[in-house]
Amino acid sequence: MSVLDNFRDWKHFLGDRVQAAEQAGMESDLVNNVAYQIGGYLASQVDPKNEQERLLKELWDSGDEEQQRTLASLMVKMVQNEPGAQR
């Protein structure tokens, strides 16, 4: 089973990776840039596995680069604010 099969699992996976990057001293701009690159890869290479991922792909595909960067930044912020996130 892939972390992409369940949106809750995906958020937990992303949150763990963001937390690890922050603990390693990665600046927030770099974290957001990596999230943008991952978002681009997922949007172009991975078929959405659930409704939430399909919505994110549609939003991604509808936006220009600045809007896509904003969406990636919001995803990072969402997992940082997730209950139980250690920040």
PDB file of N, CA and C in Angstrom:
ATOM      1  N   MET A   1       0.843  -1.175   0.000  1.00  0.00           N
ATOM      2  CA  MET A   1       0.000   0.000   0.000  1.00  0.00           C
ATOM      3  C   MET A   1       0.891   1.241   0.000  1.00  0.00           C
ATOM      4  N   SER A   2       0.601   2.182  -0.839  1.00  0.00           N
ATOM      5  CA  SER A   2       1.351   3.423  -0.978  1.00  0.00           C
ATOM      6  C   SER A   2       0.792   4.492  -0.051  1.00  0.00           C
ATOM      7  N   VAL A   3       1.642   5.446   0.368  1.00  0.00           N
ATOM      8  CA  VAL A   3       1.154   6.567   1.173  1.00  0.00           C
ATOM      9  C   VAL A   3       0.193   7.423   0.375  1.00  0.00           C
ATOM     10  N   LEU A   4       0.170   7.263  -0.940  1.00  0.00           N
ATOM     11  CA  LEU A   4      -0.731   8.045  -1.777  1.00  0.00           C
ATOM     12  C   LEU A   4      -2.134   7.459  -1.832  1.00  0.00           C
ATOM     13  N   ASP A   5      -2.315   6.252  -1.316  1.00  0.00           N
ATOM     14  CA  ASP A   5      -3.634   5.616  -1.362  1.00  0.00           C
ATOM     15  C   ASP A   5      -4.620   6.263  -0.403  1.00  0.00           C
ATOM     16  N   ASN A   6      -4.127   6.830   0.678  1.00  0.00           N
ATOM     17  CA  ASN A   6      -4.985   7.414   1.702  1.00  0.00           C
ATOM     18  C   ASN A   6      -4.463   8.813   2.012  1.00  0.00           C
ATOM     19  N   PHE A   7      -5.320   9.825   1.928  1.00  0.00           N
ATOM     20  CA  PHE A   7      -4.874  11.208   2.098  1.00  0.00           C
ATOM     21  C   PHE A   7      -4.333  11.451   3.510  1.00  0.00           C
ATOM     22  N   ARG A   8      -4.920  10.839   4.504  1.00  0.00           N
ATOM     23  CA  ARG A   8      -4.418  10.995   5.873  1.00  0.00           C
ATOM     24  C   ARG A   8      -2.991  10.452   5.976  1.00  0.00           C
ATOM     25  N   ASP A   9      -2.744   9.305   5.347  1.00  0.00           N
ATOM     26  CA  ASP A   9      -1.389   8.746   5.344  1.00  0.00           C
ATOM     27  C   ASP A   9      -0.423   9.677   4.614  1.00  0.00           C
ATOM     28  N   TRP A  10      -0.877  10.275   3.510  1.00  0.00           N
ATOM     29  CA  TRP A  10      -0.038  11.196   2.755  1.00  0.00           C
ATOM     30  C   TRP A  10       0.319  12.416   3.607  1.00  0.00           C
ATOM     31  N   LYS A  11      -0.673  12.971   4.313  1.00  0.00           N
ATOM     32  CA  LYS A  11      -0.398  14.128   5.162  1.00  0.00           C
ATOM     33  C   LYS A  11       0.585  13.766   6.272  1.00  0.00           C
ATOM     34  N   HIS A  12       0.426  12.597   6.870  1.00  0.00           N
ATOM     35  CA  HIS A  12       1.337  12.153   7.920  1.00  0.00           C
ATOM     36  C   HIS A  12       2.752  11.974   7.349  1.00  0.00           C
ATOM     37  N   PHE A  13       2.848  11.346   6.194  1.00  0.00           N
ATOM     38  CA  PHE A  13       4.139  11.138   5.530  1.00  0.00           C
ATOM     39  C   PHE A  13       4.805  12.484   5.239  1.00  0.00           C
ATOM     40  N   LEU A  14       4.053  13.418   4.659  1.00  0.00           N
ATOM     41  CA  LEU A  14       4.596  14.734   4.340  1.00  0.00           C
ATOM     42  C   LEU A  14       5.003  15.466   5.616  1.00  0.00           C
ATOM     43  N   GLY A  15       4.175  15.390   6.643  1.00  0.00           N
ATOM     44  CA  GLY A  15       4.505  16.032   7.915  1.00  0.00           C
ATOM     45  C   GLY A  15       5.790  15.507   8.515  1.00  0.00           C
ATOM     46  N   ASP A  16       5.985  14.189   8.460  1.00  0.00           N
ATOM     47  CA  ASP A  16       7.221  13.593   8.966  1.00  0.00           C
ATOM     48  C   ASP A  16       8.436  14.106   8.194  1.00  0.00           C
ATOM     49  N   ARG A  17       8.298  14.224   6.880  1.00  0.00           N
ATOM     50  CA  ARG A  17       9.421  14.686   6.049  1.00  0.00           C
ATOM     51  C   ARG A  17       9.724  16.161   6.286  1.00  0.00           C
ATOM     52  N   VAL A  18       8.675  16.965   6.455  1.00  0.00           N
ATOM     53  CA  VAL A  18       8.868  18.388   6.748  1.00  0.00           C
ATOM     54  C   VAL A  18       9.553  18.540   8.100  1.00  0.00           C
ATOM     55  N   GLN A  19       9.100  17.787   9.085  1.00  0.00           N
ATOM     56  CA  GLN A  19       9.699  17.855  10.419  1.00  0.00           C
ATOM     57  C   GLN A  19      11.172  17.451  10.363  1.00  0.00           C
ATOM     58  N   ALA A  20      11.487  16.388   9.641  1.00  0.00           N
ATOM     59  CA  ALA A  20      12.884  15.947   9.525  1.00  0.00           C
ATOM     60  C   ALA A  20      13.743  17.018   8.854  1.00  0.00           C
ATOM     61  N   ALA A  21      13.217  17.651   7.827  1.00  0.00           N
ATOM     62  CA  ALA A  21      13.955  18.708   7.130  1.00  0.00           C
ATOM     63  C   ALA A  21      14.213  19.882   8.067  1.00  0.00           C
ATOM     64  N   GLU A  22      13.212  20.259   8.840  1.00  0.00           N
ATOM     65  CA  GLU A  22      13.369  21.369   9.779  1.00  0.00           C
ATOM     66  C   GLU A  22      14.380  21.026  10.872  1.00  0.00           C
ATOM     67  N   GLN A  23      14.326  19.804  11.379  1.00  0.00           N
ATOM     68  CA  GLN A  23      15.260  19.384  12.418  1.00  0.00           C
ATOM     69  C   GLN A  23      16.690  19.302  11.889  1.00  0.00           C
ATOM     70  N   ALA A  24      16.826  19.074  10.600  1.00  0.00           N
ATOM     71  CA  ALA A  24      18.147  19.032   9.978  1.00  0.00           C
ATOM     72  C   ALA A  24      18.660  20.437   9.670  1.00  0.00           C
ATOM     73  N   GLY A  25      17.842  21.447   9.963  1.00  0.00           N
ATOM     74  CA  GLY A  25      18.266  22.821   9.766  1.00  0.00           C
ATOM     75  C   GLY A  25      17.910  23.417   8.419  1.00  0.00           C
ATOM     76  N   MET A  26      17.070  22.754   7.664  1.00  0.00           N
ATOM     77  CA  MET A  26      16.684  23.270   6.354  1.00  0.00           C
ATOM     78  C   MET A  26      15.807  24.507   6.526  1.00  0.00           C
ATOM     79  N   GLU A  27      16.132  25.569   5.824  1.00  0.00           N
ATOM     80  CA  GLU A  27      15.362  26.811   5.869  1.00  0.00           C
ATOM     81  C   GLU A  27      13.967  26.592   5.281  1.00  0.00           C
ATOM     82  N   SER A  28      12.996  27.363   5.758  1.00  0.00           N
ATOM     83  CA  SER A  28      11.611  27.189   5.305  1.00  0.00           C
ATOM     84  C   SER A  28      11.464  27.458   3.808  1.00  0.00           C
ATOM     85  N   ASP A  29      12.234  28.395   3.263  1.00  0.00           N
ATOM     86  CA  ASP A  29      12.162  28.643   1.818  1.00  0.00           C
ATOM     87  C   ASP A  29      12.583  27.411   1.030  1.00  0.00           C
ATOM     88  N   LEU A  30      13.607  26.725   1.512  1.00  0.00           N
ATOM     89  CA  LEU A  30      14.073  25.516   0.833  1.00  0.00           C
ATOM     90  C   LEU A  30      13.043  24.394   0.968  1.00  0.00           C
ATOM     91  N   VAL A  31      12.441  24.269   2.157  1.00  0.00           N
ATOM     92  CA  VAL A  31      11.391  23.261   2.361  1.00  0.00           C
ATOM     93  C   VAL A  31      10.243  23.514   1.380  1.00  0.00           C
ATOM     94  N   ASN A  32       9.829  24.773   1.260  1.00  0.00           N
ATOM     95  CA  ASN A  32       8.739  25.114   0.345  1.00  0.00           C
ATOM     96  C   ASN A  32       9.130  24.860  -1.108  1.00  0.00           C
ATOM     97  N   ASN A  33      10.382  25.121  -1.468  1.00  0.00           N
ATOM     98  CA  ASN A  33      10.833  24.870  -2.838  1.00  0.00           C
ATOM     99  C   ASN A  33      10.818  23.373  -3.149  1.00  0.00           C
ATOM    100  N   VAL A  34      11.253  22.572  -2.206  1.00  0.00           N
ATOM    101  CA  VAL A  34      11.212  21.113  -2.392  1.00  0.00           C
ATOM    102  C   VAL A  34       9.765  20.646  -2.510  1.00  0.00           C
ATOM    103  N   ALA A  35       8.875  21.202  -1.687  1.00  0.00           N
ATOM    104  CA  ALA A  35       7.449  20.848  -1.772  1.00  0.00           C
ATOM    105  C   ALA A  35       6.894  21.203  -3.148  1.00  0.00           C
ATOM    106  N   TYR A  36       7.305  22.347  -3.688  1.00  0.00           N
ATOM    107  CA  TYR A  36       6.875  22.752  -5.033  1.00  0.00           C
ATOM    108  C   TYR A  36       7.358  21.741  -6.079  1.00  0.00           C
ATOM    109  N   GLN A  37       8.605  21.326  -5.983  1.00  0.00           N
ATOM    110  CA  GLN A  37       9.154  20.353  -6.933  1.00  0.00           C
ATOM    111  C   GLN A  37       8.431  19.011  -6.828  1.00  0.00           C
ATOM    112  N   ILE A  38       8.159  18.581  -5.613  1.00  0.00           N
ATOM    113  CA  ILE A  38       7.427  17.327  -5.419  1.00  0.00           C
ATOM    114  C   ILE A  38       6.007  17.451  -5.962  1.00  0.00           C
ATOM    115  N   GLY A  39       5.369  18.595  -5.707  1.00  0.00           N
ATOM    116  CA  GLY A  39       4.022  18.823  -6.236  1.00  0.00           C
ATOM    117  C   GLY A  39       3.988  18.741  -7.745  1.00  0.00           C
ATOM    118  N   GLY A  40       4.982  19.337  -8.393  1.00  0.00           N
ATOM    119  CA  GLY A  40       5.063  19.269  -9.856  1.00  0.00           C
ATOM    120  C   GLY A  40       5.233  17.845 -10.349  1.00  0.00           C
ATOM    121  N   TYR A  41       6.095  17.088  -9.669  1.00  0.00           N
ATOM    122  CA  TYR A  41       6.303  15.692 -10.047  1.00  0.00           C
ATOM    123  C   TYR A  41       5.002  14.898  -9.883  1.00  0.00           C
ATOM    124  N   LEU A  42       4.363  15.039  -8.722  1.00  0.00           N
ATOM    125  CA  LEU A  42       3.128  14.291  -8.474  1.00  0.00           C
ATOM    126  C   LEU A  42       2.046  14.658  -9.487  1.00  0.00           C
ATOM    127  N   ALA A  43       1.916  15.943  -9.788  1.00  0.00           N
ATOM    128  CA  ALA A  43       0.878  16.390 -10.720  1.00  0.00           C
ATOM    129  C   ALA A  43       1.101  15.835 -12.124  1.00  0.00           C
ATOM    130  N   SER A  44       2.358  15.685 -12.517  1.00  0.00           N
ATOM    131  CA  SER A  44       2.634  15.248 -13.891  1.00  0.00           C
ATOM    132  C   SER A  44       2.845  13.741 -14.028  1.00  0.00           C
ATOM    133  N   GLN A  45       3.209  13.060 -12.933  1.00  0.00           N
ATOM    134  CA  GLN A  45       3.623  11.664 -13.057  1.00  0.00           C
ATOM    135  C   GLN A  45       2.769  10.650 -12.294  1.00  0.00           C
ATOM    136  N   VAL A  46       1.948  11.124 -11.349  1.00  0.00           N
ATOM    137  CA  VAL A  46       1.227  10.195 -10.476  1.00  0.00           C
ATOM    138  C   VAL A  46      -0.278  10.418 -10.610  1.00  0.00           C
ATOM    139  N   ASP A  47      -0.987   9.331 -10.860  1.00  0.00           N
ATOM    140  CA  ASP A  47      -2.449   9.402 -10.955  1.00  0.00           C
ATOM    141  C   ASP A  47      -3.033   9.562  -9.554  1.00  0.00           C
ATOM    142  N   PRO A  48      -3.895  10.554  -9.342  1.00  0.00           N
ATOM    143  CA  PRO A  48      -4.505  10.728  -8.019  1.00  0.00           C
ATOM    144  C   PRO A  48      -5.227   9.462  -7.574  1.00  0.00           C
ATOM    145  N   LYS A  49      -5.042   9.112  -6.306  1.00  0.00           N
ATOM    146  CA  LYS A  49      -5.617   7.878  -5.772  1.00  0.00           C
ATOM    147  C   LYS A  49      -6.920   8.098  -5.005  1.00  0.00           C
ATOM    148  N   ASN A  50      -7.249   9.368  -4.737  1.00  0.00           N
ATOM    149  CA  ASN A  50      -8.463   9.640  -3.969  1.00  0.00           C
ATOM    150  C   ASN A  50      -8.974  11.040  -4.328  1.00  0.00           C
ATOM    151  N   GLU A  51     -10.125  11.387  -3.786  1.00  0.00           N
ATOM    152  CA  GLU A  51     -10.762  12.668  -4.132  1.00  0.00           C
ATOM    153  C   GLU A  51      -9.910  13.871  -3.748  1.00  0.00           C
ATOM    154  N   GLN A  52      -9.259  13.804  -2.590  1.00  0.00           N
ATOM    155  CA  GLN A  52      -8.450  14.925  -2.136  1.00  0.00           C
ATOM    156  C   GLN A  52      -7.264  15.149  -3.078  1.00  0.00           C
ATOM    157  N   GLU A  53      -6.615  14.071  -3.466  1.00  0.00           N
ATOM    158  CA  GLU A  53      -5.485  14.193  -4.386  1.00  0.00           C
ATOM    159  C   GLU A  53      -5.944  14.676  -5.761  1.00  0.00           C
ATOM    160  N   ARG A  54      -7.116  14.250  -6.182  1.00  0.00           N
ATOM    161  CA  ARG A  54      -7.647  14.717  -7.471  1.00  0.00           C
ATOM    162  C   ARG A  54      -7.909  16.222  -7.427  1.00  0.00           C
ATOM    163  N   LEU A  55      -8.472  16.697  -6.306  1.00  0.00           N
ATOM    164  CA  LEU A  55      -8.704  18.129  -6.146  1.00  0.00           C
ATOM    165  C   LEU A  55      -7.383  18.896  -6.155  1.00  0.00           C
ATOM    166  N   LEU A  56      -6.386  18.403  -5.435  1.00  0.00           N
ATOM    167  CA  LEU A  56      -5.083  19.074  -5.423  1.00  0.00           C
ATOM    168  C   LEU A  56      -4.478  19.114  -6.822  1.00  0.00           C
ATOM    169  N   LYS A  57      -4.599  18.027  -7.575  1.00  0.00           N
ATOM    170  CA  LYS A  57      -4.074  18.014  -8.943  1.00  0.00           C
ATOM    171  C   LYS A  57      -4.801  19.031  -9.813  1.00  0.00           C
ATOM    172  N   GLU A  58      -6.127  19.108  -9.689  1.00  0.00           N
ATOM    173  CA  GLU A  58      -6.887  20.075 -10.482  1.00  0.00           C
ATOM    174  C   GLU A  58      -6.505  21.508 -10.114  1.00  0.00           C
ATOM    175  N   LEU A  59      -6.334  21.774  -8.819  1.00  0.00           N
ATOM    176  CA  LEU A  59      -5.889  23.104  -8.395  1.00  0.00           C
ATOM    177  C   LEU A  59      -4.501  23.405  -8.946  1.00  0.00           C
ATOM    178  N   TRP A  60      -3.605  22.418  -8.842  1.00  0.00           N
ATOM    179  CA  TRP A  60      -2.237  22.575  -9.340  1.00  0.00           C
ATOM    180  C   TRP A  60      -2.243  22.881 -10.838  1.00  0.00           C
ATOM    181  N   ASP A  61      -2.984  22.096 -11.578  1.00  0.00           N
ATOM    182  CA  ASP A  61      -3.022  22.253 -13.034  1.00  0.00           C
ATOM    183  C   ASP A  61      -3.678  23.571 -13.451  1.00  0.00           C
ATOM    184  N   SER A  62      -4.547  24.120 -12.607  1.00  0.00           N
ATOM    185  CA  SER A  62      -5.233  25.373 -12.922  1.00  0.00           C
ATOM    186  C   SER A  62      -4.372  26.596 -12.650  1.00  0.00           C
ATOM    187  N   GLY A  63      -3.351  26.442 -11.821  1.00  0.00           N
ATOM    188  CA  GLY A  63      -2.566  27.595 -11.396  1.00  0.00           C
ATOM    189  C   GLY A  63      -1.328  27.835 -12.240  1.00  0.00           C
ATOM    190  N   ASP A  64      -0.844  29.073 -12.161  1.00  0.00           N
ATOM    191  CA  ASP A  64       0.452  29.391 -12.751  1.00  0.00           C
ATOM    192  C   ASP A  64       1.532  29.037 -11.716  1.00  0.00           C
ATOM    193  N   GLU A  65       2.794  29.288 -12.033  1.00  0.00           N
ATOM    194  CA  GLU A  65       3.877  28.880 -11.136  1.00  0.00           C
ATOM    195  C   GLU A  65       3.737  29.504  -9.745  1.00  0.00           C
ATOM    196  N   GLU A  66       3.411  30.775  -9.684  1.00  0.00           N
ATOM    197  CA  GLU A  66       3.274  31.444  -8.382  1.00  0.00           C
ATOM    198  C   GLU A  66       2.167  30.796  -7.552  1.00  0.00           C
ATOM    199  N   GLN A  67       1.053  30.482  -8.185  1.00  0.00           N
ATOM    200  CA  GLN A  67      -0.057  29.847  -7.474  1.00  0.00           C
ATOM    201  C   GLN A  67       0.304  28.425  -7.048  1.00  0.00           C
ATOM    202  N   GLN A  68       1.055  27.711  -7.885  1.00  0.00           N
ATOM    203  CA  GLN A  68       1.500  26.370  -7.519  1.00  0.00           C
ATOM    204  C   GLN A  68       2.449  26.424  -6.321  1.00  0.00           C
ATOM    205  N   ARG A  69       3.337  27.424  -6.304  1.00  0.00           N
ATOM    206  CA  ARG A  69       4.241  27.590  -5.161  1.00  0.00           C
ATOM    207  C   ARG A  69       3.443  27.899  -3.890  1.00  0.00           C
ATOM    208  N   THR A  70       2.399  28.698  -4.036  1.00  0.00           N
ATOM    209  CA  THR A  70       1.538  29.008  -2.894  1.00  0.00           C
ATOM    210  C   THR A  70       0.853  27.747  -2.397  1.00  0.00           C
ATOM    211  N   LEU A  71       0.344  26.935  -3.309  1.00  0.00           N
ATOM    212  CA  LEU A  71      -0.315  25.688  -2.931  1.00  0.00           C
ATOM    213  C   LEU A  71       0.663  24.758  -2.208  1.00  0.00           C
ATOM    214  N   ALA A  72       1.883  24.651  -2.715  1.00  0.00           N
ATOM    215  CA  ALA A  72       2.895  23.814  -2.070  1.00  0.00           C
ATOM    216  C   ALA A  72       3.199  24.336  -0.667  1.00  0.00           C
ATOM    217  N   SER A  73       3.321  25.655  -0.535  1.00  0.00           N
ATOM    218  CA  SER A  73       3.584  26.266   0.760  1.00  0.00           C
ATOM    219  C   SER A  73       2.421  26.011   1.731  1.00  0.00           C
ATOM    220  N   LEU A  74       1.207  26.082   1.230  1.00  0.00           N
ATOM    221  CA  LEU A  74       0.035  25.817   2.069  1.00  0.00           C
ATOM    222  C   LEU A  74      -0.005  24.357   2.529  1.00  0.00           C
ATOM    223  N   MET A  75       0.406  23.440   1.669  1.00  0.00           N
ATOM    224  CA  MET A  75       0.462  22.030   2.074  1.00  0.00           C
ATOM    225  C   MET A  75       1.467  21.844   3.210  1.00  0.00           C
ATOM    226  N   VAL A  76       2.627  22.506   3.100  1.00  0.00           N
ATOM    227  CA  VAL A  76       3.626  22.429   4.164  1.00  0.00           C
ATOM    228  C   VAL A  76       3.040  22.997   5.454  1.00  0.00           C
ATOM    229  N   LYS A  77       2.426  24.158   5.356  1.00  0.00           N
ATOM    230  CA  LYS A  77       1.832  24.802   6.538  1.00  0.00           C
ATOM    231  C   LYS A  77       0.736  23.913   7.144  1.00  0.00           C
ATOM    232  N   MET A  78      -0.064  23.262   6.302  1.00  0.00           N
ATOM    233  CA  MET A  78      -1.127  22.400   6.782  1.00  0.00           C
ATOM    234  C   MET A  78      -0.561  21.271   7.645  1.00  0.00           C
ATOM    235  N   VAL A  79       0.510  20.630   7.189  1.00  0.00           N
ATOM    236  CA  VAL A  79       1.051  19.513   7.966  1.00  0.00           C
ATOM    237  C   VAL A  79       1.813  20.002   9.190  1.00  0.00           C
ATOM    238  N   GLN A  80       2.339  21.216   9.135  1.00  0.00           N
ATOM    239  CA  GLN A  80       2.993  21.781  10.313  1.00  0.00           C
ATOM    240  C   GLN A  80       1.972  22.074  11.408  1.00  0.00           C
ATOM    241  N   ASN A  81       0.754  22.439  11.021  1.00  0.00           N
ATOM    242  CA  ASN A  81      -0.300  22.783  11.967  1.00  0.00           C
ATOM    243  C   ASN A  81      -1.163  21.592  12.363  1.00  0.00           C
ATOM    244  N   GLU A  82      -0.861  20.444  11.840  1.00  0.00           N
ATOM    245  CA  GLU A  82      -1.621  19.226  12.119  1.00  0.00           C
ATOM    246  C   GLU A  82      -1.518  18.888  13.616  1.00  0.00           C
ATOM    247  N   PRO A  83      -2.620  18.524  14.250  1.00  0.00           N
ATOM    248  CA  PRO A  83      -2.549  18.134  15.663  1.00  0.00           C
ATOM    249  C   PRO A  83      -1.512  17.018  15.864  1.00  0.00           C
ATOM    250  N   GLY A  84      -0.699  17.188  16.852  1.00  0.00           N
ATOM    251  CA  GLY A  84       0.345  16.189  17.124  1.00  0.00           C
ATOM    252  C   GLY A  84       1.649  16.463  16.417  1.00  0.00           C
ATOM    253  N   ALA A  85       1.666  17.460  15.525  1.00  0.00           N
ATOM    254  CA  ALA A  85       2.910  17.815  14.843  1.00  0.00           C
ATOM    255  C   ALA A  85       3.854  18.435  15.850  1.00  0.00           C
ATOM    256  N   GLN A  86       5.086  17.988  15.856  1.00  0.00           N
ATOM    257  CA  GLN A  86       6.076  18.496  16.808  1.00  0.00           C
ATOM    258  C   GLN A  86       6.859  19.613  16.163  1.00  0.00           C
ATOM    259  N   ARG A  87       6.470  20.823  16.452  1.00  0.00           N
ATOM    260  CA  ARG A  87       7.155  21.995  15.874  1.00  0.00           C
ATOM    261  C   ARG A  87       7.624  22.882  16.993  1.00  0.00           C
TER     262      ARG A  87
END
